[in-house]
Each structure stands twice: as C-alpha cells, then as structure tokens.
C-alpha cells in the first residue's frame, strides 16, 4: 500500500472540497481523510494503490466546482491506519 499527504491551497474551504474529495477517494478505493487546516488549506492523506493516489492528485489539482486550487503540495506518507475515507 502506498501513501501520500497533500496540502491544497486556494479557495478550498466552504466549497464542499472535503466532501467532494471524500467521494472521489472512495470511488478510487482509497483510505484516509480530508481535513480543513486553520491556515485555509485542506490536508488530504490517502493510502492505497499508487495509481489511484496519482489519480486523486490529478483530481485535487482541479477540485470540485466552486473551488479554486492554487497549489497542491505532495509528500510521501505512511499508509493511514484506518478503514474508509473520512472528513475531519
């Protein structure tokens, strides 16, 4: 199992970014979470198939309608120890 942590910046809070990320991650069979950060970014931690994580990253670069993604930073992350994909 692969894992990655993403920090997404732009207009990503208050536009259903976490809920949309959760739905996309579940479609891809990933586990992890999406969490609002106090600095206005969203943290996304995903574990699963490496190709699915890459697909999630491509989706994060666009985000849901209403969002404006300015940047997505990615770093390796040990696969999250949880079942499913949560919004925190």
N, C-alpha and C. Protein backbone atom coordinates (compact mmCIF):
# COMPACT_ATOMS: atom_id res chain seq x y z
N UNK A 1 0.85 -1.19 0.00
CA UNK A 1 0.00 0.00 0.00
C UNK A 1 0.89 1.24 0.00
N UNK A 2 0.58 2.17 -0.86
CA UNK A 2 1.28 3.44 -0.93
C UNK A 2 0.52 4.49 -0.13
N UNK A 3 1.18 5.59 0.16
CA UNK A 3 0.51 6.67 0.86
C UNK A 3 1.09 8.02 0.49
N UNK A 4 0.27 9.06 0.57
CA UNK A 4 0.71 10.42 0.28
C UNK A 4 -0.10 11.40 1.11
N UNK A 5 0.56 12.52 1.44
CA UNK A 5 -0.12 13.64 2.09
C UNK A 5 -0.08 14.81 1.12
N UNK A 6 -1.23 15.44 0.95
CA UNK A 6 -1.35 16.60 0.07
C UNK A 6 -1.78 17.80 0.89
N UNK A 7 -1.25 18.96 0.56
CA UNK A 7 -1.73 20.22 1.10
C UNK A 7 -2.22 21.03 -0.09
N UNK A 8 -3.51 21.34 -0.07
CA UNK A 8 -4.17 22.02 -1.19
C UNK A 8 -4.49 23.45 -0.75
N UNK A 9 -4.02 24.42 -1.53
CA UNK A 9 -4.27 25.82 -1.19
C UNK A 9 -5.07 26.49 -2.30
N UNK A 10 -5.70 27.58 -1.92
CA UNK A 10 -6.58 28.34 -2.82
C UNK A 10 -7.90 28.55 -2.13
N UNK A 11 -8.96 28.65 -2.89
CA UNK A 11 -10.31 28.73 -2.33
C UNK A 11 -10.81 27.30 -2.19
N UNK A 12 -10.48 26.67 -1.05
CA UNK A 12 -10.75 25.25 -0.87
C UNK A 12 -11.53 24.95 0.41
N UNK A 13 -11.91 25.97 1.14
CA UNK A 13 -12.77 25.77 2.30
C UNK A 13 -14.10 26.47 2.05
N UNK A 14 -15.18 25.82 2.48
CA UNK A 14 -16.51 26.39 2.28
C UNK A 14 -17.08 26.15 0.89
N UNK A 15 -16.45 25.25 0.12
CA UNK A 15 -16.91 24.97 -1.25
C UNK A 15 -17.09 23.46 -1.46
N UNK A 16 -17.33 22.71 -0.38
CA UNK A 16 -17.54 21.26 -0.42
C UNK A 16 -16.32 20.51 -0.91
N UNK A 17 -15.13 21.07 -0.66
CA UNK A 17 -13.91 20.42 -1.11
C UNK A 17 -13.68 19.10 -0.39
N UNK A 18 -13.85 19.09 0.94
CA UNK A 18 -13.62 17.85 1.70
C UNK A 18 -14.63 16.77 1.30
N UNK A 19 -15.89 17.13 1.20
CA UNK A 19 -16.92 16.14 0.84
C UNK A 19 -16.67 15.59 -0.56
N UNK A 20 -16.31 16.45 -1.48
CA UNK A 20 -16.05 16.01 -2.85
C UNK A 20 -14.79 15.15 -2.91
N UNK A 21 -13.79 15.51 -2.13
CA UNK A 21 -12.56 14.71 -2.07
C UNK A 21 -12.86 13.34 -1.49
N UNK A 22 -13.68 13.30 -0.45
CA UNK A 22 -14.05 12.03 0.16
C UNK A 22 -14.75 11.14 -0.86
N UNK A 23 -15.69 11.69 -1.62
CA UNK A 23 -16.41 10.91 -2.62
C UNK A 23 -15.46 10.38 -3.69
N UNK A 24 -14.57 11.22 -4.18
CA UNK A 24 -13.63 10.79 -5.23
C UNK A 24 -12.67 9.73 -4.70
N UNK A 25 -12.17 9.92 -3.48
CA UNK A 25 -11.25 8.94 -2.89
C UNK A 25 -11.93 7.59 -2.71
N UNK A 26 -13.17 7.61 -2.27
CA UNK A 26 -13.91 6.35 -2.10
C UNK A 26 -14.11 5.66 -3.44
N UNK A 27 -14.42 6.42 -4.50
CA UNK A 27 -14.55 5.85 -5.84
C UNK A 27 -13.26 5.15 -6.27
N UNK A 28 -12.13 5.72 -5.84
CA UNK A 28 -10.83 5.17 -6.21
C UNK A 28 -10.36 4.06 -5.27
N UNK A 29 -11.15 3.77 -4.24
CA UNK A 29 -10.79 2.71 -3.30
C UNK A 29 -9.70 3.08 -2.32
N UNK A 30 -9.56 4.37 -2.03
CA UNK A 30 -8.52 4.84 -1.12
C UNK A 30 -9.04 4.96 0.30
N UNK A 31 -8.12 4.91 1.25
CA UNK A 31 -8.43 5.17 2.66
C UNK A 31 -7.70 6.44 3.06
N UNK A 32 -8.18 7.09 4.13
CA UNK A 32 -7.51 8.30 4.61
C UNK A 32 -8.50 9.34 5.08
N UNK A 33 -8.14 10.60 4.87
CA UNK A 33 -9.00 11.68 5.32
C UNK A 33 -8.71 12.98 4.59
N UNK A 34 -9.67 13.90 4.69
CA UNK A 34 -9.51 15.28 4.22
C UNK A 34 -9.88 16.17 5.40
N UNK A 35 -9.03 17.15 5.68
CA UNK A 35 -9.20 17.97 6.88
C UNK A 35 -8.90 19.42 6.58
N UNK A 36 -9.78 20.32 7.04
CA UNK A 36 -9.51 21.75 6.94
C UNK A 36 -8.39 22.12 7.91
N UNK A 37 -7.49 22.97 7.47
CA UNK A 37 -6.43 23.49 8.33
C UNK A 37 -6.73 24.94 8.68
N UNK A 38 -6.22 25.40 9.81
CA UNK A 38 -6.52 26.75 10.26
C UNK A 38 -5.96 27.82 9.32
N UNK A 39 -4.98 27.47 8.49
CA UNK A 39 -4.39 28.46 7.58
C UNK A 39 -5.15 28.56 6.25
N UNK A 40 -6.29 27.86 6.14
CA UNK A 40 -7.11 27.96 4.94
C UNK A 40 -6.88 26.86 3.92
N UNK A 41 -5.85 26.05 4.13
CA UNK A 41 -5.60 24.93 3.23
C UNK A 41 -6.42 23.72 3.65
N UNK A 42 -6.43 22.71 2.78
CA UNK A 42 -7.01 21.41 3.11
C UNK A 42 -5.89 20.39 3.05
N UNK A 43 -5.81 19.57 4.10
CA UNK A 43 -4.86 18.45 4.13
C UNK A 43 -5.61 17.20 3.69
N UNK A 44 -5.03 16.47 2.75
CA UNK A 44 -5.60 15.21 2.30
C UNK A 44 -4.53 14.14 2.48
N UNK A 45 -4.86 13.10 3.22
CA UNK A 45 -3.98 11.95 3.39
C UNK A 45 -4.67 10.76 2.76
N UNK A 46 -3.97 10.08 1.87
CA UNK A 46 -4.57 8.97 1.14
C UNK A 46 -3.63 7.77 1.12
N UNK A 47 -4.21 6.59 1.28
CA UNK A 47 -3.46 5.35 1.18
C UNK A 47 -4.17 4.38 0.28
N UNK A 48 -3.39 3.59 -0.44
CA UNK A 48 -3.98 2.60 -1.35
C UNK A 48 -3.07 2.37 -2.53
N UNK A 49 -3.67 2.01 -3.64
CA UNK A 49 -2.94 1.75 -4.87
C UNK A 49 -2.27 3.03 -5.36
N UNK A 50 -0.99 2.92 -5.76
CA UNK A 50 -0.23 4.10 -6.20
C UNK A 50 -0.89 4.81 -7.37
N UNK A 51 -1.43 4.06 -8.32
CA UNK A 51 -2.09 4.68 -9.48
C UNK A 51 -3.34 5.44 -9.05
N UNK A 52 -4.06 4.92 -8.06
CA UNK A 52 -5.26 5.61 -7.57
C UNK A 52 -4.88 6.90 -6.85
N UNK A 53 -3.77 6.88 -6.12
CA UNK A 53 -3.31 8.10 -5.45
C UNK A 53 -2.91 9.14 -6.48
N UNK A 54 -2.24 8.71 -7.54
CA UNK A 54 -1.89 9.65 -8.62
C UNK A 54 -3.14 10.25 -9.25
N UNK A 55 -4.18 9.43 -9.43
CA UNK A 55 -5.44 9.92 -10.00
C UNK A 55 -6.09 10.92 -9.05
N UNK A 56 -6.05 10.64 -7.75
CA UNK A 56 -6.59 11.59 -6.78
C UNK A 56 -5.84 12.92 -6.87
N UNK A 57 -4.53 12.86 -7.02
CA UNK A 57 -3.75 14.10 -7.14
C UNK A 57 -4.19 14.90 -8.35
N UNK A 58 -4.42 14.25 -9.47
CA UNK A 58 -4.91 14.96 -10.67
C UNK A 58 -6.25 15.62 -10.38
N UNK A 59 -7.12 14.91 -9.64
CA UNK A 59 -8.41 15.48 -9.29
C UNK A 59 -8.24 16.67 -8.35
N UNK A 60 -7.33 16.56 -7.38
CA UNK A 60 -7.11 17.66 -6.44
C UNK A 60 -6.63 18.93 -7.14
N UNK A 61 -5.92 18.78 -8.22
CA UNK A 61 -5.44 19.95 -8.97
C UNK A 61 -6.58 20.76 -9.56
N UNK A 62 -7.73 20.12 -9.77
CA UNK A 62 -8.93 20.81 -10.29
C UNK A 62 -9.90 21.13 -9.16
N UNK A 63 -10.15 20.14 -8.32
CA UNK A 63 -11.12 20.29 -7.24
C UNK A 63 -12.54 20.29 -7.76
N UNK A 64 -13.49 20.44 -6.87
CA UNK A 64 -14.90 20.44 -7.26
C UNK A 64 -15.31 21.81 -7.84
N UNK A 65 -16.50 21.86 -8.48
CA UNK A 65 -16.99 23.16 -8.94
C UNK A 65 -17.09 24.13 -7.76
N UNK A 66 -16.72 25.35 -7.97
CA UNK A 66 -16.76 26.34 -6.91
C UNK A 66 -15.43 26.54 -6.21
N UNK A 67 -14.54 25.57 -6.34
CA UNK A 67 -13.21 25.70 -5.73
C UNK A 67 -12.26 26.36 -6.71
N UNK A 68 -11.22 26.96 -6.16
CA UNK A 68 -10.11 27.48 -6.97
C UNK A 68 -8.83 26.95 -6.34
N UNK A 69 -8.18 26.03 -7.03
CA UNK A 69 -6.96 25.43 -6.50
C UNK A 69 -5.77 26.22 -7.03
N UNK A 70 -4.99 26.76 -6.11
CA UNK A 70 -3.78 27.50 -6.48
C UNK A 70 -2.55 26.61 -6.50
N UNK A 71 -2.49 25.64 -5.58
CA UNK A 71 -1.32 24.76 -5.50
C UNK A 71 -1.67 23.49 -4.76
N UNK A 72 -0.99 22.41 -5.14
CA UNK A 72 -1.09 21.14 -4.44
C UNK A 72 0.33 20.68 -4.16
N UNK A 73 0.65 20.54 -2.88
CA UNK A 73 1.94 20.02 -2.47
C UNK A 73 1.77 18.56 -2.06
N UNK A 74 2.71 17.72 -2.48
CA UNK A 74 2.62 16.28 -2.18
C UNK A 74 3.89 15.82 -1.48
N UNK A 75 3.71 14.97 -0.49
CA UNK A 75 4.85 14.34 0.18
C UNK A 75 4.49 12.90 0.51
N UNK A 76 5.48 12.02 0.59
CA UNK A 76 5.20 10.63 0.96
C UNK A 76 4.63 10.58 2.37
N UNK A 77 3.80 9.58 2.61
CA UNK A 77 3.18 9.40 3.93
C UNK A 77 2.92 7.92 4.11
N UNK A 78 3.25 7.40 5.29
CA UNK A 78 2.91 6.01 5.56
C UNK A 78 1.41 5.84 5.41
N UNK A 79 1.01 4.73 4.85
CA UNK A 79 -0.42 4.48 4.62
C UNK A 79 -1.21 4.69 5.90
N UNK A 80 -2.28 5.46 5.84
CA UNK A 80 -3.08 5.74 7.03
C UNK A 80 -3.72 4.47 7.60
N UNK A 81 -3.68 4.30 8.91
CA UNK A 81 -4.22 3.10 9.53
C UNK A 81 -5.71 3.21 9.83
N UNK A 82 -6.52 3.32 8.82
CA UNK A 82 -7.98 3.42 9.04
C UNK A 82 -8.70 2.80 7.86
N UNK A 83 -9.92 2.45 8.11
CA UNK A 83 -10.77 1.93 7.04
C UNK A 83 -11.58 3.08 6.48
N UNK A 84 -11.77 3.08 5.18
CA UNK A 84 -12.60 4.11 4.57
C UNK A 84 -11.88 5.44 4.43
N UNK A 85 -12.63 6.44 4.04
CA UNK A 85 -12.10 7.78 3.84
C UNK A 85 -13.00 8.76 4.57
N UNK A 86 -12.43 9.54 5.48
CA UNK A 86 -13.21 10.39 6.36
C UNK A 86 -12.99 11.88 6.07
N UNK A 87 -13.98 12.66 6.47
CA UNK A 87 -13.83 14.13 6.54
C UNK A 87 -13.63 14.45 8.00
N UNK A 88 -12.59 15.18 8.29
CA UNK A 88 -12.30 15.55 9.68
C UNK A 88 -12.50 17.05 9.85
